[in-house]
Amino acid sequence: MFGDLSGMMQKLKETQQKVEDTKKRLDTVLIDESSSDGKLKVTVTANSNIKSISMDDSLLSDADELEDYLILTLNKALEKARIINENELANVAKIGMPNIPGMDFFK
């Protein structure tokens, strides 16, 4: 009914390894984001790990303003990271999925 079951299992194992390799590679993909006025800059990986934050000294005098800058800028960077991560992993999964009739997950 499903054809070569051991072949499909091997392909799934290969796909799982490719997913793990992609996750490791995404740790090296850096996304830089800045506030609109350039006072705050953040760098995150495509796996949403914060790598660096740099800010203008003027932000240190107002905790509420700094918090707003951090929230807005980090959220923009993390959203970009999420999109890259999802697209990369979906592509790997789509390529590696065995062709099982009736299970068209990635059209």
C-alpha atoms as a PDB file:
ATOM      1  CA  MET A   1       0.000   0.000   0.000  1.00  0.00           C
ATOM      2  CA  PHE A   2       2.735   2.485   0.938  1.00  0.00           C
ATOM      3  CA  GLY A   3       5.442   1.001  -1.275  1.00  0.00           C
ATOM      4  CA  ASP A   4       8.932   0.691   0.146  1.00  0.00           C
ATOM      5  CA  LEU A   5       8.449   1.306   3.876  1.00  0.00           C
ATOM      6  CA  SER A   6      12.152   0.989   4.699  1.00  0.00           C
ATOM      7  CA  GLY A   7      12.945   3.510   1.939  1.00  0.00           C
ATOM      8  CA  MET A   8      10.459   5.954   3.395  1.00  0.00           C
ATOM      9  CA  MET A   9      11.901   5.472   6.883  1.00  0.00           C
ATOM     10  CA  GLN A  10      15.395   6.160   5.557  1.00  0.00           C
ATOM     11  CA  LYS A  11      14.177   9.305   3.817  1.00  0.00           C
ATOM     12  CA  LEU A  12      12.531  10.480   7.051  1.00  0.00           C
ATOM     13  CA  LYS A  13      15.803   9.921   8.946  1.00  0.00           C
ATOM     14  CA  GLU A  14      17.691  11.891   6.300  1.00  0.00           C
ATOM     15  CA  THR A  15      15.135  14.682   6.528  1.00  0.00           C
ATOM     16  CA  GLN A  16      15.419  14.740  10.311  1.00  0.00           C
ATOM     17  CA  GLN A  17      19.198  15.128   9.979  1.00  0.00           C
ATOM     18  CA  LYS A  18      18.736  17.934   7.440  1.00  0.00           C
ATOM     19  CA  VAL A  19      16.364  19.705   9.838  1.00  0.00           C
ATOM     20  CA  GLU A  20      18.947  19.452  12.630  1.00  0.00           C
ATOM     21  CA  ASP A  21      21.683  20.732  10.294  1.00  0.00           C
ATOM     22  CA  THR A  22      19.438  23.625   9.244  1.00  0.00           C
ATOM     23  CA  LYS A  23      18.764  24.539  12.880  1.00  0.00           C
ATOM     24  CA  LYS A  24      22.522  24.656  13.528  1.00  0.00           C
ATOM     25  CA  ARG A  25      23.056  26.788  10.421  1.00  0.00           C
ATOM     26  CA  LEU A  26      20.299  29.175  11.509  1.00  0.00           C
ATOM     27  CA  ASP A  27      22.326  29.874  14.659  1.00  0.00           C
ATOM     28  CA  THR A  28      24.844  31.556  12.356  1.00  0.00           C
ATOM     29  CA  VAL A  29      22.299  33.628  10.408  1.00  0.00           C
ATOM     30  CA  LEU A  30      22.302  37.094  11.955  1.00  0.00           C
ATOM     31  CA  ILE A  31      19.477  39.617  11.723  1.00  0.00           C
ATOM     32  CA  ASP A  32      20.288  43.250  12.489  1.00  0.00           C
ATOM     33  CA  GLU A  33      17.525  45.645  13.435  1.00  0.00           C
ATOM     34  CA  SER A  34      17.644  49.298  14.451  1.00  0.00           C
ATOM     35  CA  SER A  35      15.164  51.711  15.957  1.00  0.00           C
ATOM     36  CA  SER A  36      13.796  54.249  13.482  1.00  0.00           C
ATOM     37  CA  ASP A  37      16.164  56.942  14.765  1.00  0.00           C
ATOM     38  CA  GLY A  38      19.163  54.611  15.063  1.00  0.00           C
ATOM     39  CA  LYS A  39      19.515  55.038  18.826  1.00  0.00           C
ATOM     40  CA  LEU A  40      19.186  51.294  19.476  1.00  0.00           C
ATOM     41  CA  LYS A  41      20.583  48.397  17.449  1.00  0.00           C
ATOM     42  CA  VAL A  42      20.054  44.701  18.103  1.00  0.00           C
ATOM     43  CA  THR A  43      21.370  41.553  16.487  1.00  0.00           C
ATOM     44  CA  VAL A  44      19.579  38.203  16.819  1.00  0.00           C
ATOM     45  CA  THR A  45      20.056  34.817  15.198  1.00  0.00           C
ATOM     46  CA  ALA A  46      17.424  33.194  12.999  1.00  0.00           C
ATOM     47  CA  ASN A  47      16.839  30.902  15.995  1.00  0.00           C
ATOM     48  CA  SER A  48      15.818  33.993  18.035  1.00  0.00           C
ATOM     49  CA  ASN A  49      18.886  34.187  20.236  1.00  0.00           C
ATOM     50  CA  ILE A  50      19.917  37.736  21.103  1.00  0.00           C
ATOM     51  CA  LYS A  51      23.561  38.274  20.142  1.00  0.00           C
ATOM     52  CA  SER A  52      24.080  41.976  20.827  1.00  0.00           C
ATOM     53  CA  ILE A  53      22.395  45.191  21.859  1.00  0.00           C
ATOM     54  CA  SER A  54      23.966  48.613  21.439  1.00  0.00           C
ATOM     55  CA  MET A  55      22.376  51.904  22.341  1.00  0.00           C
ATOM     56  CA  ASP A  56      22.959  55.604  22.366  1.00  0.00           C
ATOM     57  CA  ASP A  57      23.927  56.868  25.828  1.00  0.00           C
ATOM     58  CA  SER A  58      20.937  59.242  25.785  1.00  0.00           C
ATOM     59  CA  LEU A  59      18.634  56.262  26.295  1.00  0.00           C
ATOM     60  CA  LEU A  60      20.241  55.471  29.647  1.00  0.00           C
ATOM     61  CA  SER A  61      18.674  58.487  31.339  1.00  0.00           C
ATOM     62  CA  ASP A  62      15.063  57.368  30.877  1.00  0.00           C
ATOM     63  CA  ALA A  63      14.229  53.775  31.806  1.00  0.00           C
ATOM     64  CA  ASP A  64      10.721  53.923  30.299  1.00  0.00           C
ATOM     65  CA  GLU A  65      12.031  55.207  26.976  1.00  0.00           C
ATOM     66  CA  LEU A  66      14.750  52.536  26.930  1.00  0.00           C
ATOM     67  CA  GLU A  67      12.188  49.837  27.643  1.00  0.00           C
ATOM     68  CA  ASP A  68       9.990  51.064  24.763  1.00  0.00           C
ATOM     69  CA  TYR A  69      12.957  51.078  22.387  1.00  0.00           C
ATOM     70  CA  LEU A  70      14.000  47.583  23.429  1.00  0.00           C
ATOM     71  CA  ILE A  71      10.515  46.118  23.095  1.00  0.00           C
ATOM     72  CA  LEU A  72       9.846  47.622  19.668  1.00  0.00           C
ATOM     73  CA  THR A  73      13.246  46.885  18.169  1.00  0.00           C
ATOM     74  CA  LEU A  74      13.584  43.372  19.589  1.00  0.00           C
ATOM     75  CA  ASN A  75      10.070  42.454  18.467  1.00  0.00           C
ATOM     76  CA  LYS A  76      10.871  43.564  14.895  1.00  0.00           C
ATOM     77  CA  ALA A  77      14.102  41.547  14.889  1.00  0.00           C
ATOM     78  CA  LEU A  78      12.481  38.464  16.414  1.00  0.00           C
ATOM     79  CA  GLU A  79       9.621  38.570  13.893  1.00  0.00           C
ATOM     80  CA  LYS A  80      12.137  38.611  11.033  1.00  0.00           C
ATOM     81  CA  ALA A  81      13.969  35.717  12.692  1.00  0.00           C
ATOM     82  CA  ARG A  82      10.729  33.742  13.065  1.00  0.00           C
ATOM     83  CA  ILE A  83       9.870  34.164   9.385  1.00  0.00           C
ATOM     84  CA  ILE A  84      13.337  33.100   8.226  1.00  0.00           C
ATOM     85  CA  ASN A  85      13.337  30.136  10.610  1.00  0.00           C
ATOM     86  CA  GLU A  86       9.892  28.900   9.570  1.00  0.00           C
ATOM     87  CA  ASN A  87      10.635  29.265   5.858  1.00  0.00           C
ATOM     88  CA  GLU A  88      13.965  27.448   6.076  1.00  0.00           C
ATOM     89  CA  LEU A  89      12.610  24.559   8.135  1.00  0.00           C
ATOM     90  CA  ALA A  90       9.480  24.248   5.982  1.00  0.00           C
ATOM     91  CA  ASN A  91      11.630  24.028   2.852  1.00  0.00           C
ATOM     92  CA  VAL A  92      13.748  21.249   4.361  1.00  0.00           C
ATOM     93  CA  ALA A  93      10.677  19.341   5.529  1.00  0.00           C
ATOM     94  CA  LYS A  94       8.916  19.750   2.189  1.00  0.00           C
ATOM     95  CA  ILE A  95      11.883  18.431   0.227  1.00  0.00           C
ATOM     96  CA  GLY A  96      12.363  15.477   2.544  1.00  0.00           C
ATOM     97  CA  MET A  97       8.820  14.268   3.019  1.00  0.00           C
ATOM     98  CA  PRO A  98       8.068  10.953   1.354  1.00  0.00           C
ATOM     99  CA  ASN A  99       5.273  10.960  -1.204  1.00  0.00           C
ATOM    100  CA  ILE A 100       2.443   9.249   0.681  1.00  0.00           C
ATOM    101  CA  PRO A 101      -0.892   9.371  -1.139  1.00  0.00           C
ATOM    102  CA  GLY A 102      -3.474  11.491   0.647  1.00  0.00           C
ATOM    103  CA  MET A 103      -0.910  13.185   2.895  1.00  0.00           C
ATOM    104  CA  ASP A 104      -0.193  16.408   1.034  1.00  0.00           C
ATOM    105  CA  PHE A 105       1.021  18.477   3.975  1.00  0.00           C
ATOM    106  CA  PHE A 106       3.063  20.999   1.989  1.00  0.00           C
ATOM    107  CA  LYS A 107       1.238  22.031  -1.159  1.00  0.00           C
END
